[in-house]
Amino acid sequence: MNELAGDWYLPSDSALSEEIFPELHESEDEKVRKEIMQLIQGMHDADPRKERWLAWLEKQGEKPHGKSAREAIKEEKVDNANKVEPKFKVGDWVVSPNGVYWHIDKISNNRYEVTSNTGESSNWPLDTNIYHKFTIQDAKDGDVLIDKSDSREGLFIFKETKPSDIKTDVLNNPLTVLGYCGIGGAGFTKGSGWGDTANCTYYPATKKQHDTLFKAMADAGYTFDFEKKELKKIEQKQEENKRNLGGISSNWSEEDASRLEEVICMVEANGRWVRSDDAVKSVLDWLKSLQQRIGE
């Protein structure tokens, strides 16, 4: 009978429930928690610690899905192992395989939110490996760039780089950066030197900055031919300058037009016009010659 009874032995209600629904199986931590609660419940009611301990142990049993502390820690380790650390940070400029420049605007929900230098928006997963951080070596002839140092920030059209004579402990082979024109401390200027990699950092201009440069360029009477990579005078502006000077149009030359633009830049710079002494003397000599021709 005992053997037969053994064959037909039914487990307790809780054990049967766990047989049918394995997810109801109590963890070892939960069993220990309940055993400790039973011990504390047997303490004298006058003990002030009794209610505080029981309240704390009850709270531990209220964890979501009945997960034990051990299980929660294990899951957290798995989550950390699967977590992707971003390669770039907010504010970085990166380059795509087809040469487009993208600004990292935001990192959210394991994705980069980005805007290109032409104003397009997109987003990528954090684990993307096809982009790299922008450096001056990525710049192409005709790109609009920002050059930034501790003392200033410029906006210019990039031309090329060449080895610099500067030698530093940090950077043994710095590059001088050349451009066609840009906006510096003295406003719009034609010029080739736009700092060097020993003292400046470079990154692509945004669409808004691009538009700002080209407005300043047009106001100064210039346009840029991207196909020929050439800074050009706007003919209409030249004629306007002739009319503004009055009766010397018959004696006006290309050199006069160029000198006039330098004077305009000097006036618009309001005392911040930076040129060598020889360049200033050259402009003054031209002004004197202009005065003589007007008097003739």
Protein backbone atom coordinates (compact mmCIF):
# COMPACT_ATOMS: atom_id res chain seq x y z
CA MET A 1 0.00 0.00 0.00
CA ASN A 2 2.78 2.37 0.89
CA GLU A 3 4.42 1.78 -2.49
CA LEU A 4 1.08 2.26 -4.23
CA ALA A 5 0.43 5.38 -2.21
CA GLY A 6 3.89 6.58 -3.17
CA ASP A 7 3.04 6.08 -6.82
CA TRP A 8 -0.12 8.21 -6.34
CA TYR A 9 1.35 10.82 -4.01
CA LEU A 10 0.13 14.33 -4.85
CA PRO A 11 2.34 17.35 -4.07
CA SER A 12 1.10 20.24 -1.97
CA ASP A 13 -0.92 23.03 -3.61
CA SER A 14 2.09 25.34 -3.91
CA ALA A 15 4.32 22.59 -5.27
CA LEU A 16 1.62 21.57 -7.76
CA SER A 17 1.25 25.16 -8.91
CA GLU A 18 4.98 25.38 -9.46
CA GLU A 19 4.90 22.13 -11.46
CA ILE A 20 2.21 23.51 -13.77
CA PHE A 21 3.45 27.16 -13.82
CA PRO A 22 7.28 27.19 -13.49
CA GLU A 23 7.27 31.00 -13.51
CA LEU A 24 5.64 30.88 -10.04
CA HIS A 25 8.65 29.05 -8.61
CA GLU A 26 10.09 31.04 -5.73
CA SER A 27 13.71 32.03 -5.88
CA GLU A 28 16.06 31.09 -3.07
CA ASP A 29 16.28 34.77 -2.07
CA GLU A 30 12.48 34.96 -1.72
CA LYS A 31 12.37 31.85 0.47
CA VAL A 32 15.04 33.28 2.77
CA ARG A 33 13.17 36.60 2.98
CA LYS A 34 9.98 34.88 4.10
CA GLU A 35 11.82 32.76 6.66
CA ILE A 36 13.39 35.88 8.18
CA MET A 37 9.95 37.52 8.32
CA GLN A 38 8.56 34.52 10.21
CA LEU A 39 11.37 34.80 12.76
CA ILE A 40 10.79 38.52 13.26
CA GLN A 41 7.03 38.01 13.61
CA GLY A 42 7.79 35.82 16.63
CA MET A 43 9.54 38.72 18.36
CA HIS A 44 7.81 40.52 21.24
CA ASP A 45 5.45 43.23 20.02
CA ALA A 46 7.06 45.73 22.37
CA ASP A 47 10.34 45.55 20.41
CA PRO A 48 10.43 48.84 18.38
CA ARG A 49 12.51 47.19 15.65
CA LYS A 50 9.87 44.61 14.76
CA GLU A 51 7.56 46.79 12.63
CA ARG A 52 10.47 48.58 10.92
CA TRP A 53 12.17 45.32 9.90
CA LEU A 54 8.94 43.74 8.69
CA ALA A 55 8.04 46.83 6.64
CA TRP A 56 11.45 46.76 4.95
CA LEU A 57 11.26 43.04 4.18
CA GLU A 58 7.73 43.46 2.78
CA LYS A 59 9.03 46.16 0.46
CA GLN A 60 11.76 43.87 -0.87
CA GLY A 61 9.04 41.44 -1.94
CA GLU A 62 7.34 44.10 -4.08
CA LYS A 63 10.01 44.12 -6.82
CA PRO A 64 8.62 43.92 -10.40
CA HIS A 65 7.93 40.40 -11.68
CA GLY A 66 9.18 38.97 -8.38
CA LYS A 67 12.84 39.24 -9.49
CA SER A 68 15.39 38.57 -6.81
CA ALA A 69 18.26 40.94 -6.19
CA ARG A 70 20.59 38.33 -7.62
CA GLU A 71 18.50 38.05 -10.80
CA ALA A 72 18.28 41.84 -11.16
CA ILE A 73 22.08 42.16 -10.90
CA LYS A 74 22.53 39.42 -13.49
CA GLU A 75 20.16 41.14 -15.91
CA GLU A 76 21.94 44.47 -15.37
CA LYS A 77 25.26 42.86 -16.27
CA VAL A 78 23.76 41.49 -19.48
CA ASP A 79 22.34 44.92 -20.35
CA ASN A 80 25.71 46.58 -19.76
CA ALA A 81 27.43 43.98 -21.93
CA ASN A 82 25.02 44.77 -24.78
CA LYS A 83 25.24 48.54 -24.32
CA VAL A 84 26.91 50.40 -27.24
CA GLU A 85 29.21 53.26 -26.29
CA PRO A 86 29.00 56.16 -28.78
CA LYS A 87 32.12 56.67 -30.91
CA PHE A 88 31.37 60.39 -31.36
CA LYS A 89 30.10 63.08 -29.00
CA VAL A 90 27.59 65.88 -29.45
CA GLY A 91 29.23 68.75 -31.36
CA ASP A 92 31.57 66.55 -33.44
CA TRP A 93 31.72 66.85 -37.23
CA VAL A 94 32.06 63.51 -39.04
CA VAL A 95 32.57 62.46 -42.64
CA SER A 96 30.50 59.90 -44.54
CA PRO A 97 32.01 57.52 -47.13
CA ASN A 98 30.74 59.76 -49.95
CA GLY A 99 32.43 62.83 -48.44
CA VAL A 100 29.40 64.55 -46.89
CA TYR A 101 30.01 66.36 -43.60
CA TRP A 102 27.58 65.69 -40.72
CA HIS A 103 27.23 67.45 -37.35
CA ILE A 104 26.30 65.35 -34.29
CA ASP A 105 23.34 67.31 -32.85
CA LYS A 106 22.06 64.83 -30.27
CA ILE A 107 22.46 61.25 -28.99
CA SER A 108 19.14 59.67 -28.05
CA ASN A 109 17.62 56.15 -27.94
CA ASN A 110 20.93 54.58 -29.07
CA ARG A 111 21.01 56.73 -32.21
CA TYR A 112 22.87 59.80 -33.45
CA GLU A 113 20.68 62.69 -34.61
CA VAL A 114 22.66 64.62 -37.23
CA THR A 115 22.52 67.55 -39.68
CA SER A 116 24.69 67.86 -42.80
CA ASN A 117 26.60 71.01 -43.77
CA THR A 118 23.95 71.55 -46.46
CA GLY A 119 21.10 71.46 -43.93
CA GLU A 120 19.78 67.89 -44.36
CA SER A 121 18.73 65.89 -41.26
CA SER A 122 19.20 62.18 -40.57
CA ASN A 123 19.90 59.66 -37.80
CA TRP A 124 22.13 56.59 -37.44
CA PRO A 125 22.55 53.72 -34.94
CA LEU A 126 25.36 54.14 -32.42
CA ASP A 127 27.19 51.05 -33.66
CA THR A 128 27.74 52.46 -37.15
CA ASN A 129 31.38 52.17 -38.24
CA ILE A 130 31.37 53.80 -41.68
CA TYR A 131 31.97 57.39 -40.49
CA HIS A 132 35.10 59.08 -39.14
CA LYS A 133 35.75 62.36 -37.34
CA PHE A 134 36.53 65.34 -39.59
CA THR A 135 40.10 66.65 -39.86
CA ILE A 136 41.60 69.29 -42.17
CA GLN A 137 42.92 66.45 -44.35
CA ASP A 138 39.28 65.70 -45.28
CA ALA A 139 38.69 69.24 -46.60
CA LYS A 140 38.20 69.66 -50.34
CA ASP A 141 39.08 72.61 -52.57
CA GLY A 142 36.10 74.99 -52.38
CA ASP A 143 34.74 73.82 -49.00
CA VAL A 144 33.51 76.49 -46.62
CA LEU A 145 35.25 76.00 -43.26
CA ILE A 146 35.58 77.54 -39.81
CA ASP A 147 39.04 78.13 -38.37
CA LYS A 148 39.10 78.65 -34.62
CA SER A 149 41.89 79.54 -32.22
CA ASP A 150 42.02 80.85 -28.65
CA SER A 151 41.86 84.45 -29.87
CA ARG A 152 39.65 84.43 -32.95
CA GLU A 153 37.30 82.58 -35.29
CA GLY A 154 37.27 82.86 -39.08
CA LEU A 155 34.97 81.70 -41.87
CA PHE A 156 36.60 81.04 -45.23
CA ILE A 157 36.64 79.14 -48.53
CA PHE A 158 39.32 76.45 -48.30
CA LYS A 159 41.91 75.99 -51.06
CA GLU A 160 44.71 73.70 -49.87
CA THR A 161 47.26 72.96 -47.15
CA LYS A 162 51.03 73.11 -47.26
CA PRO A 163 53.76 72.19 -44.77
CA SER A 164 54.31 74.84 -42.12
CA ASP A 165 57.64 76.10 -40.80
CA ILE A 166 56.24 75.96 -37.25
CA LYS A 167 57.55 73.14 -35.08
CA THR A 168 55.95 72.23 -31.75
CA ASP A 169 56.47 69.53 -29.15
CA VAL A 170 52.89 68.32 -29.66
CA LEU A 171 52.72 68.55 -33.45
CA ASN A 172 55.93 67.98 -35.40
CA ASN A 173 54.42 68.46 -38.85
CA PRO A 174 51.78 71.21 -38.69
CA LEU A 175 50.11 72.45 -41.85
CA THR A 176 49.46 75.99 -43.06
CA VAL A 177 45.89 76.34 -44.34
CA LEU A 178 45.26 78.41 -47.47
CA GLY A 179 41.98 79.84 -48.72
CA TYR A 180 40.50 82.12 -51.36
CA CYS A 181 38.66 84.61 -49.14
CA GLY A 182 36.68 84.80 -45.94
CA ILE A 183 35.39 86.75 -42.95
CA GLY A 184 37.88 87.46 -40.18
CA GLY A 185 38.33 90.09 -37.51
CA ALA A 186 38.45 92.81 -40.18
CA GLY A 187 35.32 91.68 -42.01
CA PHE A 188 35.45 90.28 -45.54
CA THR A 189 38.95 89.91 -46.91
CA LYS A 190 40.72 88.39 -49.86
CA GLY A 191 43.64 86.39 -48.62
CA SER A 192 45.33 83.04 -48.69
CA GLY A 193 46.50 82.49 -45.10
CA TRP A 194 43.95 81.03 -42.66
CA GLY A 195 46.06 79.86 -39.77
CA ASP A 196 47.76 76.52 -39.22
CA THR A 197 47.01 73.23 -37.53
CA ALA A 198 49.41 74.02 -34.68
CA ASN A 199 47.24 76.88 -33.42
CA CYS A 200 43.80 76.40 -34.95
CA THR A 201 41.11 73.77 -35.21
CA TYR A 202 39.05 73.43 -38.39
CA TYR A 203 35.58 72.12 -39.04
CA PRO A 204 32.89 72.50 -41.73
CA ALA A 205 30.62 75.53 -41.78
CA THR A 206 26.87 75.09 -41.32
CA LYS A 207 24.46 76.13 -44.08
CA LYS A 208 23.70 79.32 -42.15
CA GLN A 209 27.41 80.17 -41.86
CA HIS A 210 27.87 79.39 -45.56
CA ASP A 211 25.10 81.85 -46.43
CA THR A 212 26.61 84.49 -44.13
CA LEU A 213 29.96 84.27 -45.94
CA PHE A 214 28.43 84.53 -49.40
CA LYS A 215 26.33 87.53 -48.41
CA ALA A 216 29.44 89.31 -47.15
CA MET A 217 31.21 88.34 -50.36
CA ALA A 218 28.40 89.76 -52.52
CA ASP A 219 28.26 92.95 -50.45
CA ALA A 220 31.99 93.40 -51.14
CA GLY A 221 31.40 92.88 -54.86
CA TYR A 222 32.67 89.34 -55.27
CA THR A 223 31.37 85.93 -56.20
CA PHE A 224 33.04 82.51 -56.17
CA ASP A 225 33.09 80.22 -59.21
CA PHE A 226 33.02 76.72 -57.70
CA GLU A 227 33.64 75.04 -61.06
CA LYS A 228 36.78 77.05 -61.84
CA LYS A 229 37.67 77.51 -58.15
CA GLU A 230 38.11 81.22 -58.68
CA LEU A 231 37.15 84.39 -56.79
CA LYS A 232 35.63 86.88 -59.25
CA LYS A 233 34.64 90.53 -59.20
CA ILE A 234 31.00 91.28 -59.87
CA GLU A 235 31.01 93.58 -62.91
CA GLN A 236 27.92 95.45 -61.75
CA LYS A 237 29.73 96.32 -58.51
CA GLN A 238 32.69 97.66 -60.44
CA GLU A 239 30.45 99.96 -62.49
CA GLU A 240 28.73 101.10 -59.32
CA ASN A 241 32.09 101.99 -57.76
CA LYS A 242 33.00 104.01 -60.85
CA ARG A 243 29.75 105.97 -60.70
CA ASN A 244 30.20 106.63 -56.98
CA LEU A 245 33.61 108.20 -57.65
CA GLY A 246 32.30 110.50 -60.38
CA GLY A 247 34.13 111.91 -63.41
CA ILE A 248 37.18 109.63 -63.57
CA SER A 249 35.52 106.59 -65.17
CA SER A 250 37.49 107.11 -68.37
CA ASN A 251 40.72 106.69 -66.42
CA TRP A 252 39.48 103.78 -64.26
CA SER A 253 41.63 100.63 -64.31
CA GLU A 254 41.55 97.13 -62.84
CA GLU A 255 44.16 98.24 -60.32
CA ASP A 256 41.89 101.11 -59.31
CA ALA A 257 39.02 98.70 -58.74
CA SER A 258 41.19 96.45 -56.59
CA ARG A 259 42.57 99.37 -54.57
CA LEU A 260 39.08 100.74 -54.03
CA GLU A 261 37.96 97.44 -52.53
CA GLU A 262 40.88 97.55 -50.11
CA VAL A 263 39.88 101.05 -49.01
CA ILE A 264 36.26 99.92 -48.56
CA CYS A 265 37.42 96.99 -46.41
CA MET A 266 39.57 99.36 -44.36
CA VAL A 267 36.65 101.72 -43.74
CA GLU A 268 34.18 98.92 -42.94
CA ALA A 269 36.70 97.35 -40.54
CA ASN A 270 36.46 100.52 -38.43
CA GLY A 271 40.05 100.52 -37.24
CA ARG A 272 40.47 96.70 -37.20
CA TRP A 273 42.02 96.52 -40.68
CA VAL A 274 45.21 94.47 -40.38
CA ARG A 275 47.80 94.89 -43.13
CA SER A 276 51.57 95.31 -43.34
CA ASP A 277 53.12 98.78 -43.44
CA ASP A 278 54.01 98.28 -47.12
CA ALA A 279 50.41 97.42 -47.98
CA VAL A 280 49.11 100.51 -46.17
CA LYS A 281 51.69 102.74 -47.94
CA SER A 282 50.65 101.24 -51.28
CA VAL A 283 47.00 102.13 -50.68
CA LEU A 284 47.93 105.66 -49.59
CA ASP A 285 50.05 106.14 -52.72
CA TRP A 286 47.10 105.05 -54.84
CA LEU A 287 44.79 107.50 -53.05
CA LYS A 288 47.25 110.32 -53.79
CA SER A 289 47.40 109.34 -57.47
CA LEU A 290 43.61 109.23 -57.57
CA GLN A 291 43.46 112.73 -56.10
CA GLN A 292 45.80 114.00 -58.80
CA ARG A 293 43.72 112.43 -61.58
CA ILE A 294 40.51 113.90 -60.18
CA GLY A 295 42.18 117.32 -60.13
CA GLU A 296 43.30 117.05 -63.75
